[in-house]
Amino acid sequence: MISTQAWADAQLLWDYHRMHHKPRTCSVAVGLGSHDLGVADVTADLYHQGLAPVIVFTGSTSPTTQARMPRGEAVHYRERALELGVPDEAILVEPRATNTGENIEFTKEVLAGAGIEASSVLLVSKPYEERRSFAMMRKLWPTVDIVSASTSMELEEYADSIGDAPMVIDMIVGALQRVLVFPGRDLAIPQDVPQDVVEAYERLVWQGFTSRLMPTEAKT
């Protein structure tokens, strides 16, 4: 059972991770692969709002997604977007990336191969990955403007939708670790992390929400 304190700490991290950007028209929408098909839903909705003329779904599989998305995250995202009425010609698929750095680099290659020059990106992720993804994009693709986007669900509703609240909190904690560590690895720009967020992160680690923490040698 998750304690009241753990939920409160997770909420602090959740609120910090979200960038609170207002969606606006961009050159392309990029849906970052994950276990959460809701990323595809949000990306499709942004497309239908006319905020991007083309979508790139990027992602292979991971231990988390192998069973849920055996054909690959980007492929499953594409299939979901097609179900939601996005035309096939508006979707590009990048099926190789196994981490966020590759998501970014391989997406640039796919767009270049399609002859699409992007000056701005609607970057669609899970809610707790907004800040880390933004910081990595600013470092690894500094020539584009970035607008972060994710579902509007709040924490407990989101955890219910995933069906595994401890895993969601583990991932929130892992995302914060990467915000803290990646600038020192030249993978992201630094972010100001308030002290109360750091303290909440440390309490959650102490309580054992650690399955998504990376060892020092881990990839992105």
Protein backbone atom coordinates (compact mmCIF):
# COMPACT_ATOMS: atom_id res chain seq x y z
CA MET A 1 0.00 0.00 0.00
CA ILE A 2 1.25 3.47 -0.90
CA SER A 3 1.40 5.81 2.07
CA THR A 4 -0.18 9.26 2.20
CA GLN A 5 3.32 10.75 2.41
CA ALA A 6 4.47 8.85 -0.68
CA TRP A 7 1.49 10.12 -2.68
CA ALA A 8 2.21 13.66 -1.51
CA ASP A 9 5.87 13.35 -2.48
CA ALA A 10 4.97 11.82 -5.84
CA GLN A 11 2.59 14.72 -6.44
CA LEU A 12 5.40 17.22 -5.84
CA LEU A 13 7.55 15.46 -8.43
CA TRP A 14 4.62 15.10 -10.83
CA ASP A 15 3.91 18.84 -10.70
CA TYR A 16 7.57 19.65 -11.20
CA HIS A 17 7.97 17.35 -14.20
CA ARG A 18 5.17 19.05 -16.12
CA MET A 19 6.32 22.06 -18.15
CA HIS A 20 2.87 23.70 -18.43
CA HIS A 21 3.43 24.78 -22.01
CA LYS A 22 0.47 26.03 -24.00
CA PRO A 23 0.08 23.96 -27.20
CA ARG A 24 0.71 25.91 -30.40
CA THR A 25 1.29 25.19 -34.05
CA CYS A 26 4.63 23.51 -34.76
CA SER A 27 6.41 21.98 -37.75
CA VAL A 28 5.98 18.43 -36.45
CA ALA A 29 4.58 16.49 -33.52
CA VAL A 30 6.91 13.85 -32.08
CA GLY A 31 5.40 11.09 -29.93
CA LEU A 32 8.07 9.53 -27.72
CA GLY A 33 7.67 5.77 -27.45
CA SER A 34 6.76 4.17 -24.12
CA HIS A 35 4.36 1.69 -22.53
CA ASP A 36 1.62 4.34 -22.54
CA LEU A 37 -0.63 4.43 -25.62
CA GLY A 38 -2.04 7.65 -24.24
CA VAL A 39 0.96 9.39 -25.81
CA ALA A 40 -0.42 8.39 -29.20
CA ASP A 41 -3.87 9.63 -28.18
CA VAL A 42 -2.53 13.06 -27.24
CA THR A 43 -0.44 13.27 -30.42
CA ALA A 44 -3.45 12.37 -32.56
CA ASP A 45 -5.55 14.99 -30.78
CA LEU A 46 -2.93 17.67 -31.41
CA TYR A 47 -2.89 16.68 -35.08
CA HIS A 48 -6.69 16.95 -35.31
CA GLN A 49 -6.48 20.40 -33.70
CA GLY A 50 -4.31 21.44 -36.65
CA LEU A 51 -1.25 22.04 -34.48
CA ALA A 52 1.11 19.89 -36.59
CA PRO A 53 0.88 18.74 -40.22
CA VAL A 54 2.96 15.61 -39.65
CA ILE A 55 3.64 13.17 -36.81
CA VAL A 56 6.73 11.14 -36.02
CA PHE A 57 6.28 8.21 -33.67
CA THR A 58 9.62 6.99 -32.36
CA GLY A 59 10.53 3.92 -30.36
CA SER A 60 11.50 0.25 -30.52
CA THR A 61 10.79 -1.93 -27.48
CA SER A 62 12.05 -2.12 -23.92
CA PRO A 63 11.61 -4.65 -21.11
CA THR A 64 8.51 -2.68 -20.09
CA THR A 65 6.95 -2.69 -23.56
CA GLN A 66 8.07 -6.01 -25.05
CA ALA A 67 4.91 -7.86 -24.02
CA ARG A 68 2.50 -4.94 -24.43
CA MET A 69 3.85 -3.73 -27.77
CA PRO A 70 5.59 -6.65 -29.46
CA ARG A 71 5.66 -4.90 -32.87
CA GLY A 72 7.45 -1.91 -31.36
CA GLU A 73 6.27 1.23 -29.62
CA ALA A 74 6.24 3.46 -32.70
CA VAL A 75 4.32 0.86 -34.71
CA HIS A 76 1.67 0.45 -32.01
CA TYR A 77 1.42 4.24 -31.68
CA ARG A 78 0.87 4.52 -35.43
CA GLU A 79 -1.85 1.88 -35.33
CA ARG A 80 -3.57 3.74 -32.50
CA ALA A 81 -3.38 7.06 -34.36
CA LEU A 82 -4.88 5.46 -37.46
CA GLU A 83 -7.75 4.16 -35.31
CA LEU A 84 -8.25 7.74 -34.13
CA GLY A 85 -8.56 9.04 -37.68
CA VAL A 86 -5.08 10.36 -38.43
CA PRO A 87 -4.35 9.72 -42.13
CA ASP A 88 -1.52 7.33 -42.87
CA GLU A 89 0.30 9.87 -45.03
CA ALA A 90 0.61 12.20 -42.02
CA ILE A 91 2.53 9.63 -39.93
CA LEU A 92 6.22 8.79 -40.04
CA VAL A 93 7.56 5.88 -37.99
CA GLU A 94 11.00 5.65 -36.42
CA PRO A 95 11.23 2.05 -35.12
CA ARG A 96 14.83 1.74 -33.88
CA ALA A 97 15.28 4.03 -30.88
CA THR A 98 15.78 2.36 -27.51
CA ASN A 99 16.38 5.47 -25.41
CA THR A 100 15.49 9.16 -25.49
CA GLY A 101 18.77 10.26 -27.01
CA GLU A 102 18.16 7.88 -29.91
CA ASN A 103 14.53 9.04 -30.14
CA ILE A 104 15.84 12.52 -30.83
CA GLU A 105 18.70 11.64 -33.16
CA PHE A 106 16.75 9.10 -35.21
CA THR A 107 13.75 11.42 -35.50
CA LYS A 108 16.02 14.04 -37.05
CA GLU A 109 17.18 11.41 -39.56
CA VAL A 110 13.62 10.37 -40.43
CA LEU A 111 12.56 13.97 -41.00
CA ALA A 112 15.62 14.67 -43.12
CA GLY A 113 14.93 11.56 -45.18
CA ALA A 114 11.37 12.77 -45.78
CA GLY A 115 12.60 16.22 -46.81
CA ILE A 116 10.95 17.90 -43.84
CA GLU A 117 12.76 20.82 -42.22
CA ALA A 118 11.54 21.34 -38.67
CA SER A 119 11.87 24.65 -36.87
CA SER A 120 9.59 23.68 -33.99
CA VAL A 121 8.48 20.46 -32.33
CA LEU A 122 5.42 19.51 -30.33
CA LEU A 123 7.13 17.01 -28.04
CA VAL A 124 4.59 14.53 -26.69
CA SER A 125 5.54 12.31 -23.77
CA LYS A 126 4.20 10.83 -20.57
CA PRO A 127 3.39 13.63 -18.09
CA TYR A 128 6.32 12.87 -15.81
CA GLU A 129 8.75 12.83 -18.75
CA GLU A 130 7.99 16.34 -19.99
CA ARG A 131 10.85 18.13 -18.23
CA ARG A 132 13.51 15.52 -18.88
CA SER A 133 12.54 15.24 -22.56
CA PHE A 134 12.52 19.02 -22.91
CA ALA A 135 15.96 19.33 -21.30
CA MET A 136 17.38 16.64 -23.56
CA MET A 137 15.87 18.20 -26.68
CA ARG A 138 17.35 21.58 -25.81
CA LYS A 139 20.78 19.93 -25.57
CA LEU A 140 20.61 17.45 -28.45
CA TRP A 141 18.46 19.42 -30.91
CA PRO A 142 19.07 23.06 -29.99
CA THR A 143 17.98 24.50 -33.35
CA VAL A 144 14.24 23.85 -32.81
CA ASP A 145 11.68 25.48 -30.57
CA ILE A 146 10.06 22.94 -28.25
CA VAL A 147 6.53 22.79 -26.92
CA SER A 148 6.02 20.02 -24.38
CA ALA A 149 2.69 18.17 -24.28
CA SER A 150 1.11 15.25 -22.46
CA THR A 151 -2.25 14.07 -21.17
CA SER A 152 -4.15 16.45 -18.91
CA MET A 153 -4.79 13.69 -16.34
CA GLU A 154 -3.75 14.29 -12.76
CA LEU A 155 -1.49 11.86 -10.91
CA GLU A 156 -3.93 9.45 -9.29
CA GLU A 157 -6.17 9.34 -12.37
CA TYR A 158 -3.13 8.65 -14.51
CA ALA A 159 -1.89 5.91 -12.17
CA ASP A 160 -5.35 4.32 -12.31
CA SER A 161 -5.28 4.44 -16.11
CA ILE A 162 -1.94 2.60 -16.17
CA GLY A 163 -3.11 0.10 -13.59
CA ASP A 164 0.14 0.01 -11.60
CA ALA A 165 0.56 2.93 -9.20
CA PRO A 166 3.88 1.75 -7.69
CA MET A 167 5.39 1.48 -11.19
CA VAL A 168 4.20 4.99 -12.02
CA ILE A 169 5.81 6.38 -8.87
CA ASP A 170 8.99 4.43 -9.62
CA MET A 171 9.06 6.06 -13.05
CA ILE A 172 8.42 9.53 -11.63
CA VAL A 173 11.40 9.01 -9.33
CA GLY A 174 13.57 7.70 -12.17
CA ALA A 175 12.70 10.69 -14.32
CA LEU A 176 13.79 13.08 -11.56
CA GLN A 177 17.10 11.25 -11.18
CA ARG A 178 17.76 11.81 -14.87
CA VAL A 179 16.90 15.51 -14.63
CA LEU A 180 19.54 15.74 -11.91
CA VAL A 181 22.21 13.54 -13.53
CA PHE A 182 21.98 14.05 -17.31
CA PRO A 183 23.39 17.60 -17.49
CA GLY A 184 26.65 16.25 -16.04
CA ARG A 185 26.71 13.65 -18.82
CA ASP A 186 26.21 16.29 -21.51
CA LEU A 187 22.80 14.81 -22.36
CA ALA A 188 20.54 17.63 -21.17
CA ILE A 189 20.55 21.26 -20.20
CA PRO A 190 20.46 21.94 -16.44
CA GLN A 191 17.10 22.49 -14.78
CA ASP A 192 16.48 24.35 -11.54
CA VAL A 193 15.20 21.73 -9.08
CA PRO A 194 13.56 23.20 -5.96
CA GLN A 195 14.77 21.88 -2.63
CA ASP A 196 11.35 20.52 -1.65
CA VAL A 197 11.32 18.46 -4.85
CA VAL A 198 14.79 17.07 -4.09
CA GLU A 199 13.70 16.18 -0.56
CA ALA A 200 10.53 14.46 -1.83
CA TYR A 201 12.67 12.51 -4.30
CA GLU A 202 15.03 11.40 -1.54
CA ARG A 203 12.13 10.27 0.68
CA LEU A 204 10.65 8.21 -2.16
CA VAL A 205 14.02 6.58 -2.82
CA TRP A 206 14.32 5.79 0.90
CA GLN A 207 10.83 4.23 0.79
CA GLY A 208 11.94 1.90 -1.99
CA PHE A 209 10.56 3.46 -5.18
CA THR A 210 13.79 2.63 -6.94
CA SER A 211 13.13 0.16 -9.76
CA ARG A 212 13.62 2.87 -12.42
CA LEU A 213 16.76 4.36 -10.96
CA MET A 214 19.69 3.85 -13.26
CA PRO A 215 23.11 2.60 -12.26
CA THR A 216 25.98 4.87 -13.17
CA GLU A 217 26.73 2.91 -16.33
CA ALA A 218 23.11 2.88 -17.60
CA LYS A 219 22.15 4.27 -20.98
CA THR A 220 19.53 6.96 -21.46
